Amino acid sequence: MSGHHHQTGPTGTGSVVLELGENIGALILTTPPDLAGHEIDISPCGGEAGAGGPRTHSLVRERRTASGTSYAAVYPVLTAGQYTVWRADGTPAGQVTIRGGQASHFRWPPAAPASAG
């Protein structure tokens, strides 16, 4: 997750277009409301020291639909493969598999509890 924070209004129904194909998928990353306006980075897995390829980010926005309000970042065009989702401090929040022709889902995990010393 990058350190940028943006003030944005809600996104309405039908405002995101996903480009799906044989080797192209998409990611819908749902988050808690407190991440609205934050950019979350993802990158392909693998490579040198597990760092993977270049990172890309998307903005978490409030999304209103007929079924209610949610908060999500959408990555509309991703090459199929394994991706790491990054926290703002540079640690992985998790991994997700992107499959061609599909929209994959990832739910932002709760913060790890602080260790008692």
PDB file of N, CA and C in Angstrom:
ATOM      1  N   MET A   1       0.862  -1.158   0.000  1.00  0.00           N
ATOM      2  CA  MET A   1       0.000   0.000   0.000  1.00  0.00           C
ATOM      3  C   MET A   1       0.905   1.216   0.000  1.00  0.00           C
ATOM      4  N   SER A   2       0.691   2.120  -0.914  1.00  0.00           N
ATOM      5  CA  SER A   2       1.517   3.311  -0.967  1.00  0.00           C
ATOM      6  C   SER A   2       1.045   4.315   0.069  1.00  0.00           C
ATOM      7  N   GLY A   3       1.848   5.309   0.329  1.00  0.00           N
ATOM      8  CA  GLY A   3       1.543   6.278   1.365  1.00  0.00           C
ATOM      9  C   GLY A   3       0.589   7.367   0.941  1.00  0.00           C
ATOM     10  N   HIS A   4       0.077   7.319  -0.245  1.00  0.00           N
ATOM     11  CA  HIS A   4      -0.816   8.360  -0.726  1.00  0.00           C
ATOM     12  C   HIS A   4      -2.232   8.168  -0.184  1.00  0.00           C
ATOM     13  N   HIS A   5      -2.885   9.284   0.135  1.00  0.00           N
ATOM     14  CA  HIS A   5      -4.287   9.257   0.554  1.00  0.00           C
ATOM     15  C   HIS A   5      -5.014  10.319  -0.253  1.00  0.00           C
ATOM     16  N   HIS A   6      -6.165   9.961  -0.800  1.00  0.00           N
ATOM     17  CA  HIS A   6      -6.945  10.855  -1.641  1.00  0.00           C
ATOM     18  C   HIS A   6      -8.349  10.997  -1.084  1.00  0.00           C
ATOM     19  N   GLN A   7      -8.919  12.182  -1.239  1.00  0.00           N
ATOM     20  CA  GLN A   7     -10.314  12.406  -0.889  1.00  0.00           C
ATOM     21  C   GLN A   7     -11.132  12.184  -2.163  1.00  0.00           C
ATOM     22  N   THR A   8     -12.016  11.208  -2.152  1.00  0.00           N
ATOM     23  CA  THR A   8     -12.829  10.914  -3.329  1.00  0.00           C
ATOM     24  C   THR A   8     -14.274  10.719  -2.913  1.00  0.00           C
ATOM     25  N   GLY A   9     -15.144  10.915  -3.855  1.00  0.00           N
ATOM     26  CA  GLY A   9     -16.554  10.636  -3.615  1.00  0.00           C
ATOM     27  C   GLY A   9     -16.837   9.178  -3.914  1.00  0.00           C
ATOM     28  N   PRO A  10     -18.053   8.733  -3.637  1.00  0.00           N
ATOM     29  CA  PRO A  10     -18.404   7.336  -3.903  1.00  0.00           C
ATOM     30  C   PRO A  10     -18.466   7.045  -5.397  1.00  0.00           C
ATOM     31  N   THR A  11     -18.243   5.810  -5.734  1.00  0.00           N
ATOM     32  CA  THR A  11     -18.336   5.332  -7.110  1.00  0.00           C
ATOM     33  C   THR A  11     -19.697   4.669  -7.282  1.00  0.00           C
ATOM     34  N   GLY A  12     -20.381   5.005  -8.349  1.00  0.00           N
ATOM     35  CA  GLY A  12     -21.708   4.456  -8.581  1.00  0.00           C
ATOM     36  C   GLY A  12     -21.676   3.142  -9.336  1.00  0.00           C
ATOM     37  N   THR A  13     -22.820   2.526  -9.440  1.00  0.00           N
ATOM     38  CA  THR A  13     -22.980   1.264 -10.157  1.00  0.00           C
ATOM     39  C   THR A  13     -22.576   1.428 -11.618  1.00  0.00           C
ATOM     40  N   GLY A  14     -21.832   0.471 -12.136  1.00  0.00           N
ATOM     41  CA  GLY A  14     -21.465   0.460 -13.544  1.00  0.00           C
ATOM     42  C   GLY A  14     -20.323   1.384 -13.911  1.00  0.00           C
ATOM     43  N   SER A  15     -19.546   1.868 -12.942  1.00  0.00           N
ATOM     44  CA  SER A  15     -18.484   2.820 -13.244  1.00  0.00           C
ATOM     45  C   SER A  15     -17.131   2.167 -13.495  1.00  0.00           C
ATOM     46  N   VAL A  16     -17.039   0.842 -13.392  1.00  0.00           N
ATOM     47  CA  VAL A  16     -15.781   0.131 -13.617  1.00  0.00           C
ATOM     48  C   VAL A  16     -15.974  -0.867 -14.753  1.00  0.00           C
ATOM     49  N   VAL A  17     -15.033  -0.853 -15.687  1.00  0.00           N
ATOM     50  CA  VAL A  17     -15.054  -1.803 -16.796  1.00  0.00           C
ATOM     51  C   VAL A  17     -13.868  -2.743 -16.628  1.00  0.00           C
ATOM     52  N   LEU A  18     -14.135  -4.042 -16.623  1.00  0.00           N
ATOM     53  CA  LEU A  18     -13.079  -5.046 -16.513  1.00  0.00           C
ATOM     54  C   LEU A  18     -12.770  -5.591 -17.897  1.00  0.00           C
ATOM     55  N   GLU A  19     -11.484  -5.676 -18.219  1.00  0.00           N
ATOM     56  CA  GLU A  19     -11.062  -6.203 -19.514  1.00  0.00           C
ATOM     57  C   GLU A  19     -10.544  -7.618 -19.302  1.00  0.00           C
ATOM     58  N   LEU A  20     -11.396  -8.614 -19.535  1.00  0.00           N
ATOM     59  CA  LEU A  20     -11.062 -10.008 -19.288  1.00  0.00           C
ATOM     60  C   LEU A  20     -10.770 -10.716 -20.602  1.00  0.00           C
ATOM     61  N   GLY A  21      -9.814 -11.621 -20.585  1.00  0.00           N
ATOM     62  CA  GLY A  21      -9.471 -12.361 -21.785  1.00  0.00           C
ATOM     63  C   GLY A  21      -8.803 -13.670 -21.434  1.00  0.00           C
ATOM     64  N   GLU A  22      -8.270 -14.344 -22.438  1.00  0.00           N
ATOM     65  CA  GLU A  22      -7.684 -15.670 -22.251  1.00  0.00           C
ATOM     66  C   GLU A  22      -6.618 -15.691 -21.153  1.00  0.00           C
ATOM     67  N   ASN A  23      -5.724 -14.701 -21.152  1.00  0.00           N
ATOM     68  CA  ASN A  23      -4.656 -14.650 -20.166  1.00  0.00           C
ATOM     69  C   ASN A  23      -4.737 -13.365 -19.335  1.00  0.00           C
ATOM     70  N   ILE A  24      -5.884 -12.704 -19.377  1.00  0.00           N
ATOM     71  CA  ILE A  24      -6.080 -11.442 -18.661  1.00  0.00           C
ATOM     72  C   ILE A  24      -7.254 -11.583 -17.704  1.00  0.00           C
ATOM     73  N   GLY A  25      -6.992 -11.240 -16.438  1.00  0.00           N
ATOM     74  CA  GLY A  25      -8.028 -11.257 -15.424  1.00  0.00           C
ATOM     75  C   GLY A  25      -8.086  -9.914 -14.725  1.00  0.00           C
ATOM     76  N   ALA A  26      -8.825  -9.859 -13.645  1.00  0.00           N
ATOM     77  CA  ALA A  26      -8.978  -8.634 -12.869  1.00  0.00           C
ATOM     78  C   ALA A  26      -8.997  -9.004 -11.393  1.00  0.00           C
ATOM     79  N   LEU A  27      -8.788  -7.999 -10.550  1.00  0.00           N
ATOM     80  CA  LEU A  27      -8.816  -8.201  -9.107  1.00  0.00           C
ATOM     81  C   LEU A  27      -9.738  -7.174  -8.469  1.00  0.00           C
ATOM     82  N   ILE A  28     -10.614  -7.662  -7.604  1.00  0.00           N
ATOM     83  CA  ILE A  28     -11.436  -6.801  -6.765  1.00  0.00           C
ATOM     84  C   ILE A  28     -10.973  -7.039  -5.337  1.00  0.00           C
ATOM     85  N   LEU A  29     -10.386  -6.008  -4.733  1.00  0.00           N
ATOM     86  CA  LEU A  29      -9.794  -6.101  -3.407  1.00  0.00           C
ATOM     87  C   LEU A  29     -10.686  -5.333  -2.444  1.00  0.00           C
ATOM     88  N   THR A  30     -11.435  -6.045  -1.607  1.00  0.00           N
ATOM     89  CA  THR A  30     -12.348  -5.390  -0.664  1.00  0.00           C
ATOM     90  C   THR A  30     -11.605  -5.070   0.632  1.00  0.00           C
ATOM     91  N   THR A  31     -11.962  -3.929   1.215  1.00  0.00           N
ATOM     92  CA  THR A  31     -11.266  -3.441   2.401  1.00  0.00           C
ATOM     93  C   THR A  31     -12.271  -2.929   3.426  1.00  0.00           C
ATOM     94  N   PRO A  32     -11.792  -2.670   4.632  1.00  0.00           N
ATOM     95  CA  PRO A  32     -12.648  -1.979   5.599  1.00  0.00           C
ATOM     96  C   PRO A  32     -12.777  -0.499   5.189  1.00  0.00           C
ATOM     97  N   PRO A  33     -13.804   0.186   5.683  1.00  0.00           N
ATOM     98  CA  PRO A  33     -14.043   1.588   5.310  1.00  0.00           C
ATOM     99  C   PRO A  33     -12.869   2.528   5.600  1.00  0.00           C
ATOM    100  N   ASP A  34     -12.069   2.235   6.628  1.00  0.00           N
ATOM    101  CA  ASP A  34     -10.980   3.153   6.986  1.00  0.00           C
ATOM    102  C   ASP A  34      -9.862   3.208   5.945  1.00  0.00           C
ATOM    103  N   LEU A  35      -9.871   2.324   4.953  1.00  0.00           N
ATOM    104  CA  LEU A  35      -8.866   2.379   3.887  1.00  0.00           C
ATOM    105  C   LEU A  35      -9.348   3.178   2.672  1.00  0.00           C
ATOM    106  N   ALA A  36     -10.573   3.711   2.716  1.00  0.00           N
ATOM    107  CA  ALA A  36     -11.075   4.530   1.608  1.00  0.00           C
ATOM    108  C   ALA A  36     -10.115   5.695   1.383  1.00  0.00           C
ATOM    109  N   GLY A  37      -9.763   5.921   0.109  1.00  0.00           N
ATOM    110  CA  GLY A  37      -8.851   6.997  -0.252  1.00  0.00           C
ATOM    111  C   GLY A  37      -7.390   6.597  -0.261  1.00  0.00           C
ATOM    112  N   HIS A  38      -7.063   5.391   0.174  1.00  0.00           N
ATOM    113  CA  HIS A  38      -5.679   4.908   0.173  1.00  0.00           C
ATOM    114  C   HIS A  38      -5.407   4.100  -1.100  1.00  0.00           C
ATOM    115  N   GLU A  39      -4.169   4.166  -1.569  1.00  0.00           N
ATOM    116  CA  GLU A  39      -3.740   3.351  -2.706  1.00  0.00           C
ATOM    117  C   GLU A  39      -3.100   2.079  -2.168  1.00  0.00           C
ATOM    118  N   ILE A  40      -3.472   0.935  -2.741  1.00  0.00           N
ATOM    119  CA  ILE A  40      -2.911  -0.351  -2.331  1.00  0.00           C
ATOM    120  C   ILE A  40      -2.119  -0.915  -3.503  1.00  0.00           C
ATOM    121  N   ASP A  41      -0.862  -1.279  -3.216  1.00  0.00           N
ATOM    122  CA  ASP A  41       0.037  -1.831  -4.226  1.00  0.00           C
ATOM    123  C   ASP A  41      -0.116  -3.340  -4.321  1.00  0.00           C
ATOM    124  N   ILE A  42       0.060  -3.849  -5.545  1.00  0.00           N
ATOM    125  CA  ILE A  42       0.183  -5.284  -5.790  1.00  0.00           C
ATOM    126  C   ILE A  42       1.354  -5.475  -6.747  1.00  0.00           C
ATOM    127  N   SER A  43       1.912  -6.684  -6.775  1.00  0.00           N
ATOM    128  CA  SER A  43       2.974  -6.997  -7.726  1.00  0.00           C
ATOM    129  C   SER A  43       2.957  -8.489  -8.022  1.00  0.00           C
ATOM    130  N   PRO A  44       3.434  -8.874  -9.211  1.00  0.00           N
ATOM    131  CA  PRO A  44       3.546 -10.307  -9.512  1.00  0.00           C
ATOM    132  C   PRO A  44       4.502 -10.961  -8.517  1.00  0.00           C
ATOM    133  N   CYS A  45       4.224 -12.192  -8.137  1.00  0.00           N
ATOM    134  CA  CYS A  45       5.097 -12.936  -7.217  1.00  0.00           C
ATOM    135  C   CYS A  45       6.325 -13.445  -7.954  1.00  0.00           C
ATOM    136  N   GLY A  46       7.325 -13.844  -7.161  1.00  0.00           N
ATOM    137  CA  GLY A  46       8.530 -14.446  -7.727  1.00  0.00           C
ATOM    138  C   GLY A  46       9.609 -13.423  -7.952  1.00  0.00           C
ATOM    139  N   GLY A  47      10.561 -13.802  -8.756  1.00  0.00           N
ATOM    140  CA  GLY A  47      11.667 -12.895  -9.045  1.00  0.00           C
ATOM    141  C   GLY A  47      12.683 -12.891  -7.928  1.00  0.00           C
ATOM    142  N   GLU A  48      13.561 -11.934  -7.997  1.00  0.00           N
ATOM    143  CA  GLU A  48      14.677 -11.823  -7.059  1.00  0.00           C
ATOM    144  C   GLU A  48      14.173 -11.641  -5.634  1.00  0.00           C
ATOM    145  N   ALA A  49      14.573 -12.538  -4.750  1.00  0.00           N
ATOM    146  CA  ALA A  49      14.225 -12.503  -3.322  1.00  0.00           C
ATOM    147  C   ALA A  49      12.724 -12.400  -3.090  1.00  0.00           C
ATOM    148  N   GLY A  50      11.950 -12.958  -4.025  1.00  0.00           N
ATOM    149  CA  GLY A  50      10.500 -12.950  -3.859  1.00  0.00           C
ATOM    150  C   GLY A  50       9.862 -11.599  -4.095  1.00  0.00           C
ATOM    151  N   ALA A  51      10.649 -10.636  -4.583  1.00  0.00           N
ATOM    152  CA  ALA A  51      10.130  -9.281  -4.764  1.00  0.00           C
ATOM    153  C   ALA A  51       9.142  -9.190  -5.914  1.00  0.00           C
ATOM    154  N   GLY A  52       9.273 -10.071  -6.891  1.00  0.00           N
ATOM    155  CA  GLY A  52       8.349 -10.060  -8.014  1.00  0.00           C
ATOM    156  C   GLY A  52       8.620  -8.920  -8.969  1.00  0.00           C
ATOM    157  N   GLY A  53       7.638  -8.649  -9.792  1.00  0.00           N
ATOM    158  CA  GLY A  53       7.771  -7.614 -10.799  1.00  0.00           C
ATOM    159  C   GLY A  53       7.419  -6.251 -10.255  1.00  0.00           C
ATOM    160  N   PRO A  54       7.268  -5.301 -11.157  1.00  0.00           N
ATOM    161  CA  PRO A  54       6.941  -3.941 -10.733  1.00  0.00           C
ATOM    162  C   PRO A  54       5.575  -3.874 -10.058  1.00  0.00           C
ATOM    163  N   ARG A  55       5.486  -2.975  -9.103  1.00  0.00           N
ATOM    164  CA  ARG A  55       4.218  -2.795  -8.391  1.00  0.00           C
ATOM    165  C   ARG A  55       3.292  -1.873  -9.170  1.00  0.00           C
ATOM    166  N   THR A  56       2.009  -2.133  -9.010  1.00  0.00           N
ATOM    167  CA  THR A  56       0.977  -1.243  -9.511  1.00  0.00           C
ATOM    168  C   THR A  56       0.029  -0.984  -8.362  1.00  0.00           C
ATOM    169  N   HIS A  57      -0.701   0.096  -8.411  1.00  0.00           N
ATOM    170  CA  HIS A  57      -1.619   0.386  -7.309  1.00  0.00           C
ATOM    171  C   HIS A  57      -2.976   0.824  -7.839  1.00  0.00           C
ATOM    172  N   SER A  58      -3.930   0.753  -6.929  1.00  0.00           N
ATOM    173  CA  SER A  58      -5.285   1.202  -7.230  1.00  0.00           C
ATOM    174  C   SER A  58      -5.849   1.855  -5.972  1.00  0.00           C
ATOM    175  N   LEU A  59      -6.746   2.785  -6.166  1.00  0.00           N
ATOM    176  CA  LEU A  59      -7.337   3.554  -5.084  1.00  0.00           C
ATOM    177  C   LEU A  59      -8.555   2.838  -4.507  1.00  0.00           C
ATOM    178  N   VAL A  60      -8.604   2.758  -3.190  1.00  0.00           N
ATOM    179  CA  VAL A  60      -9.791   2.208  -2.513  1.00  0.00           C
ATOM    180  C   VAL A  60     -10.865   3.288  -2.530  1.00  0.00           C
ATOM    181  N   ARG A  61     -12.021   2.913  -3.043  1.00  0.00           N
ATOM    182  CA  ARG A  61     -13.147   3.848  -3.139  1.00  0.00           C
ATOM    183  C   ARG A  61     -14.388   3.251  -2.499  1.00  0.00           C
ATOM    184  N   GLU A  62     -15.239   4.137  -2.017  1.00  0.00           N
ATOM    185  CA  GLU A  62     -16.561   3.722  -1.562  1.00  0.00           C
ATOM    186  C   GLU A  62     -17.357   3.370  -2.814  1.00  0.00           C
ATOM    187  N   ARG A  63     -17.989   2.204  -2.803  1.00  0.00           N
ATOM    188  CA  ARG A  63     -18.741   1.744  -3.967  1.00  0.00           C
ATOM    189  C   ARG A  63     -20.172   1.438  -3.531  1.00  0.00           C
ATOM    190  N   ARG A  64     -21.108   2.166  -4.123  1.00  0.00           N
ATOM    191  CA  ARG A  64     -22.524   2.022  -3.776  1.00  0.00           C
ATOM    192  C   ARG A  64     -23.233   1.230  -4.869  1.00  0.00           C
ATOM    193  N   THR A  65     -23.942   0.191  -4.443  1.00  0.00           N
ATOM    194  CA  THR A  65     -24.722  -0.627  -5.369  1.00  0.00           C
ATOM    195  C   THR A  65     -26.103  -0.845  -4.769  1.00  0.00           C
ATOM    196  N   ALA A  66     -26.953  -1.517  -5.501  1.00  0.00           N
ATOM    197  CA  ALA A  66     -28.292  -1.819  -5.006  1.00  0.00           C
ATOM    198  C   ALA A  66     -28.244  -2.689  -3.752  1.00  0.00           C
ATOM    199  N   SER A  67     -27.170  -3.479  -3.600  1.00  0.00           N
ATOM    200  CA  SER A  67     -27.078  -4.364  -2.434  1.00  0.00           C
ATOM    201  C   SER A  67     -26.399  -3.709  -1.234  1.00  0.00           C
ATOM    202  N   GLY A  68     -25.942  -2.460  -1.370  1.00  0.00           N
ATOM    203  CA  GLY A  68     -25.344  -1.767  -0.237  1.00  0.00           C
ATOM    204  C   GLY A  68     -24.044  -1.081  -0.589  1.00  0.00           C
ATOM    205  N   THR A  69     -23.328  -0.652   0.434  1.00  0.00           N
ATOM    206  CA  THR A  69     -22.069   0.062   0.272  1.00  0.00           C
ATOM    207  C   THR A  69     -20.912  -0.862   0.649  1.00  0.00           C
ATOM    208  N   SER A  70     -19.865  -0.831  -0.171  1.00  0.00           N
ATOM    209  CA  SER A  70     -18.641  -1.572   0.137  1.00  0.00           C
ATOM    210  C   SER A  70     -17.467  -0.665  -0.194  1.00  0.00           C
ATOM    211  N   TYR A  71     -16.273  -1.118   0.139  1.00  0.00           N
ATOM    212  CA  TYR A  71     -15.044  -0.361  -0.122  1.00  0.00           C
ATOM    213  C   TYR A  71     -14.097  -1.307  -0.834  1.00  0.00           C
ATOM    214  N   ALA A  72     -13.582  -0.871  -1.979  1.00  0.00           N
ATOM    215  CA  ALA A  72     -12.751  -1.764  -2.773  1.00  0.00           C
ATOM    216  C   ALA A  72     -11.817  -0.991  -3.688  1.00  0.00           C
ATOM    217  N   ALA A  73     -10.691  -1.628  -3.987  1.00  0.00           N
ATOM    218  CA  ALA A  73      -9.780  -1.199  -5.046  1.00  0.00           C
ATOM    219  C   ALA A  73      -9.960  -2.196  -6.181  1.00  0.00           C
ATOM    220  N   VAL A  74      -9.984  -1.710  -7.411  1.00  0.00           N
ATOM    221  CA  VAL A  74     -10.190  -2.577  -8.565  1.00  0.00           C
ATOM    222  C   VAL A  74      -8.974  -2.467  -9.484  1.00  0.00           C
ATOM    223  N   TYR A  75      -8.465  -3.610  -9.891  1.00  0.00           N
ATOM    224  CA  TYR A  75      -7.339  -3.715 -10.828  1.00  0.00           C
ATOM    225  C   TYR A  75      -7.922  -4.388 -12.072  1.00  0.00           C
ATOM    226  N   PRO A  76      -8.285  -3.612 -13.101  1.00  0.00           N
ATOM    227  CA  PRO A  76      -9.109  -4.142 -14.193  1.00  0.00           C
ATOM    228  C   PRO A  76      -8.390  -4.991 -15.237  1.00  0.00           C
ATOM    229  N   VAL A  77      -7.075  -4.891 -15.373  1.00  0.00           N
ATOM    230  CA  VAL A  77      -6.358  -5.630 -16.424  1.00  0.00           C
ATOM    231  C   VAL A  77      -5.067  -6.189 -15.832  1.00  0.00           C
ATOM    232  N   LEU A  78      -5.075  -7.479 -15.452  1.00  0.00           N
ATOM    233  CA  LEU A  78      -3.890  -8.128 -14.886  1.00  0.00           C
ATOM    234  C   LEU A  78      -3.592  -9.407 -15.651  1.00  0.00           C
ATOM    235  N   THR A  79      -2.322  -9.631 -15.946  1.00  0.00           N
ATOM    236  CA  THR A  79      -1.907 -10.885 -16.558  1.00  0.00           C
ATOM    237  C   THR A  79      -2.107 -12.002 -15.543  1.00  0.00           C
ATOM    238  N   ALA A  80      -2.613 -13.136 -15.989  1.00  0.00           N
ATOM    239  CA  ALA A  80      -2.853 -14.272 -15.098  1.00  0.00           C
ATOM    240  C   ALA A  80      -1.575 -14.649 -14.359  1.00  0.00           C
ATOM    241  N   GLY A  81      -1.709 -15.019 -13.084  1.00  0.00           N
ATOM    242  CA  GLY A  81      -0.569 -15.436 -12.265  1.00  0.00           C
ATOM    243  C   GLY A  81      -0.805 -15.119 -10.807  1.00  0.00           C
ATOM    244  N   GLN A  82       0.234 -15.344  -9.999  1.00  0.00           N
ATOM    245  CA  GLN A  82       0.199 -15.075  -8.562  1.00  0.00           C
ATOM    246  C   GLN A  82       0.640 -13.644  -8.306  1.00  0.00           C
ATOM    247  N   TYR A  83      -0.059 -12.953  -7.403  1.00  0.00           N
ATOM    248  CA  TYR A  83       0.274 -11.574  -7.045  1.00  0.00           C
ATOM    249  C   TYR A  83       0.360 -11.442  -5.522  1.00  0.00           C
ATOM    250  N   THR A  84       1.257 -10.557  -5.090  1.00  0.00           N
ATOM    251  CA  THR A  84       1.342 -10.181  -3.686  1.00  0.00           C
ATOM    252  C   THR A  84       0.610  -8.866  -3.502  1.00  0.00           C
ATOM    253  N   VAL A  85      -0.174  -8.781  -2.427  1.00  0.00           N
ATOM    254  CA  VAL A  85      -0.849  -7.549  -2.027  1.00  0.00           C
ATOM    255  C   VAL A  85      -0.022  -6.976  -0.882  1.00  0.00           C
ATOM    256  N   TRP A  86       0.318  -5.669  -0.962  1.00  0.00           N
ATOM    257  CA  TRP A  86       1.259  -5.053  -0.026  1.00  0.00           C
ATOM    258  C   TRP A  86       0.583  -4.101   0.952  1.00  0.00           C
ATOM    259  N   ARG A  87       1.038  -4.145   2.198  1.00  0.00           N
ATOM    260  CA  ARG A  87       0.638  -3.167   3.217  1.00  0.00           C
ATOM    261  C   ARG A  87       1.480  -1.903   3.037  1.00  0.00           C
ATOM    262  N   ALA A  88       1.063  -0.800   3.659  1.00  0.00           N
ATOM    263  CA  ALA A  88       1.775   0.475   3.559  1.00  0.00           C
ATOM    264  C   ALA A  88       3.207   0.381   4.090  1.00  0.00           C
ATOM    265  N   ASP A  89       3.443  -0.505   5.067  1.00  0.00           N
ATOM    266  CA  ASP A  89       4.789  -0.626   5.641  1.00  0.00           C
ATOM    267  C   ASP A  89       5.710  -1.523   4.819  1.00  0.00           C
ATOM    268  N   GLY A  90       5.238  -1.990   3.653  1.00  0.00           N
ATOM    269  CA  GLY A  90       6.071  -2.810   2.776  1.00  0.00           C
ATOM    270  C   GLY A  90       6.026  -4.295   3.054  1.00  0.00           C
ATOM    271  N   THR A  91       5.203  -4.723   4.007  1.00  0.00           N
ATOM    272  CA  THR A  91       5.069  -6.153   4.277  1.00  0.00           C
ATOM    273  C   THR A  91       3.882  -6.699   3.488  1.00  0.00           C
ATOM    274  N   PRO A  92       3.950  -7.983   3.121  1.00  0.00           N
ATOM    275  CA  PRO A  92       2.831  -8.565   2.371  1.00  0.00           C
ATOM    276  C   PRO A  92       1.567  -8.675   3.226  1.00  0.00           C
ATOM    277  N   ALA A  93       0.437  -8.335   2.626  1.00  0.00           N
ATOM    278  CA  ALA A  93      -0.863  -8.541   3.268  1.00  0.00           C
ATOM    279  C   ALA A  93      -1.427  -9.900   2.870  1.00  0.00           C
ATOM    280  N   GLY A  94      -0.896 -10.470   1.774  1.00  0.00           N
ATOM    281  CA  GLY A  94      -1.345 -11.773   1.310  1.00  0.00           C
ATOM    282  C   GLY A  94      -1.042 -11.952  -0.161  1.00  0.00           C
ATOM    283  N   GLN A  95      -1.481 -13.096  -0.687  1.00  0.00           N
ATOM    284  CA  GLN A  95      -1.302 -13.407  -2.095  1.00  0.00           C
ATOM    285  C   GLN A  95      -2.644 -13.795  -2.696  1.00  0.00           C
ATOM    286  N   VAL A  96      -2.761 -13.553  -3.990  1.00  0.00           N
ATOM    287  CA  VAL A  96      -3.987 -13.874  -4.709  1.00  0.00           C
ATOM    288  C   VAL A  96      -3.611 -14.405  -6.086  1.00  0.00           C
ATOM    289  N   THR A  97      -4.404 -15.357  -6.576  1.00  0.00           N
ATOM    290  CA  THR A  97      -4.204 -15.898  -7.920  1.00  0.00           C
ATOM    291  C   THR A  97      -5.166 -15.216  -8.874  1.00  0.00           C
ATOM    292  N   ILE A  98      -4.617 -14.690  -9.959  1.00  0.00           N
ATOM    293  CA  ILE A  98      -5.421 -14.081 -11.022  1.00  0.00           C
ATOM    294  C   ILE A  98      -5.530 -15.102 -12.138  1.00  0.00           C
ATOM    295  N   ARG A  99      -6.745 -15.396 -12.547  1.00  0.00           N
ATOM    296  CA  ARG A  99      -6.993 -16.349 -13.631  1.00  0.00           C
ATOM    297  C   ARG A  99      -7.537 -15.606 -14.844  1.00  0.00           C
ATOM    298  N   GLY A 100      -7.066 -16.016 -16.021  1.00  0.00           N
ATOM    299  CA  GLY A 100      -7.546 -15.398 -17.250  1.00  0.00           C
ATOM    300  C   GLY A 100      -9.046 -15.547 -17.397  1.00  0.00           C
ATOM    301  N   GLY A 101      -9.707 -14.493 -17.852  1.00  0.00           N
ATOM    302  CA  GLY A 101     -11.140 -14.529 -18.100  1.00  0.00           C
ATOM    303  C   GLY A 101     -12.002 -14.408 -16.862  1.00  0.00           C
ATOM    304  N   GLN A 102     -11.395 -14.139 -15.683  1.00  0.00           N
ATOM    305  CA  GLN A 102     -12.162 -14.080 -14.439  1.00  0.00           C
ATOM    306  C   GLN A 102     -11.781 -12.867 -13.607  1.00  0.00           C
ATOM    307  N   ALA A 103     -12.691 -12.433 -12.767  1.00  0.00           N
ATOM    308  CA  ALA A 103     -12.394 -11.437 -11.744  1.00  0.00           C
ATOM    309  C   ALA A 103     -12.143 -12.186 -10.446  1.00  0.00           C
ATOM    310  N   SER A 104     -10.950 -12.042  -9.902  1.00  0.00           N
ATOM    311  CA  SER A 104     -10.597 -12.670  -8.627  1.00  0.00           C
ATOM    312  C   SER A 104     -10.917 -11.705  -7.490  1.00  0.00           C
ATOM    313  N   HIS A 105     -11.102 -12.259  -6.300  1.00  0.00           N
ATOM    314  CA  HIS A 105     -11.441 -11.447  -5.130  1.00  0.00           C
ATOM    315  C   HIS A 105     -10.411 -11.670  -4.036  1.00  0.00           C
ATOM    316  N   PHE A 106     -10.102 -10.601  -3.312  1.00  0.00           N
ATOM    317  CA  PHE A 106      -9.203 -10.661  -2.157  1.00  0.00           C
ATOM    318  C   PHE A 106      -9.783  -9.755  -1.089  1.00  0.00           C
ATOM    319  N   ARG A 107      -9.901 -10.265   0.126  1.00  0.00           N
ATOM    320  CA  ARG A 107     -10.409  -9.464   1.252  1.00  0.00           C
ATOM    321  C   ARG A 107      -9.208  -9.043   2.101  1.00  0.00           C
ATOM    322  N   TRP A 108      -9.085  -7.721   2.321  1.00  0.00           N
ATOM    323  CA  TRP A 108      -7.983  -7.164   3.112  1.00  0.00           C
ATOM    324  C   TRP A 108      -7.986  -7.809   4.506  1.00  0.00           C
ATOM    325  N   PRO A 109      -6.846  -8.378   4.917  1.00  0.00           N
ATOM    326  CA  PRO A 109      -6.812  -9.055   6.215  1.00  0.00           C
ATOM    327  C   PRO A 109      -6.700  -8.053   7.366  1.00  0.00           C
ATOM    328  N   PRO A 110      -7.172  -8.428   8.536  1.00  0.00           N
ATOM    329  CA  PRO A 110      -7.009  -7.537   9.696  1.00  0.00           C
ATOM    330  C   PRO A 110      -5.521  -7.409  10.025  1.00  0.00           C
ATOM    331  N   ALA A 111      -5.170  -6.326  10.674  1.00  0.00           N
ATOM    332  CA  ALA A 111      -3.780  -6.105  11.082  1.00  0.00           C
ATOM    333  C   ALA A 111      -3.377  -7.183  12.070  1.00  0.00           C
ATOM    334  N   ALA A 112      -2.120  -7.585  11.981  1.00  0.00           N
ATOM    335  CA  ALA A 112      -1.599  -8.576  12.935  1.00  0.00           C
ATOM    336  C   ALA A 112      -1.540  -7.931  14.322  1.00  0.00           C
ATOM    337  N   PRO A 113      -1.900  -8.674  15.356  1.00  0.00           N
ATOM    338  CA  PRO A 113      -1.856  -8.102  16.710  1.00  0.00           C
ATOM    339  C   PRO A 113      -0.405  -7.801  17.101  1.00  0.00           C
ATOM    340  N   ALA A 114      -0.234  -6.732  17.851  1.00  0.00           N
ATOM    341  CA  ALA A 114       1.107  -6.370  18.330  1.00  0.00           C
ATOM    342  C   ALA A 114       1.560  -7.427  19.319  1.00  0.00           C
ATOM    343  N   SER A 115       2.827  -7.789  19.228  1.00  0.00           N
ATOM    344  CA  SER A 115       3.338  -8.808  20.147  1.00  0.00           C
ATOM    345  C   SER A 115       3.659  -8.183  21.500  1.00  0.00           C
ATOM    346  N   ALA A 116       3.358  -8.921  22.530  1.00  0.00           N
ATOM    347  CA  ALA A 116       3.655  -8.442  23.890  1.00  0.00           C
ATOM    348  C   ALA A 116       5.109  -8.718  24.189  1.00  0.00           C
ATOM    349  N   GLY A 117       5.768  -7.778  24.816  1.00  0.00           N
ATOM    350  CA  GLY A 117       7.196  -7.952  25.039  1.00  0.00           C
ATOM    351  C   GLY A 117       7.463  -8.077  26.444  1.00  0.00           C
TER     352      GLY A 117
END
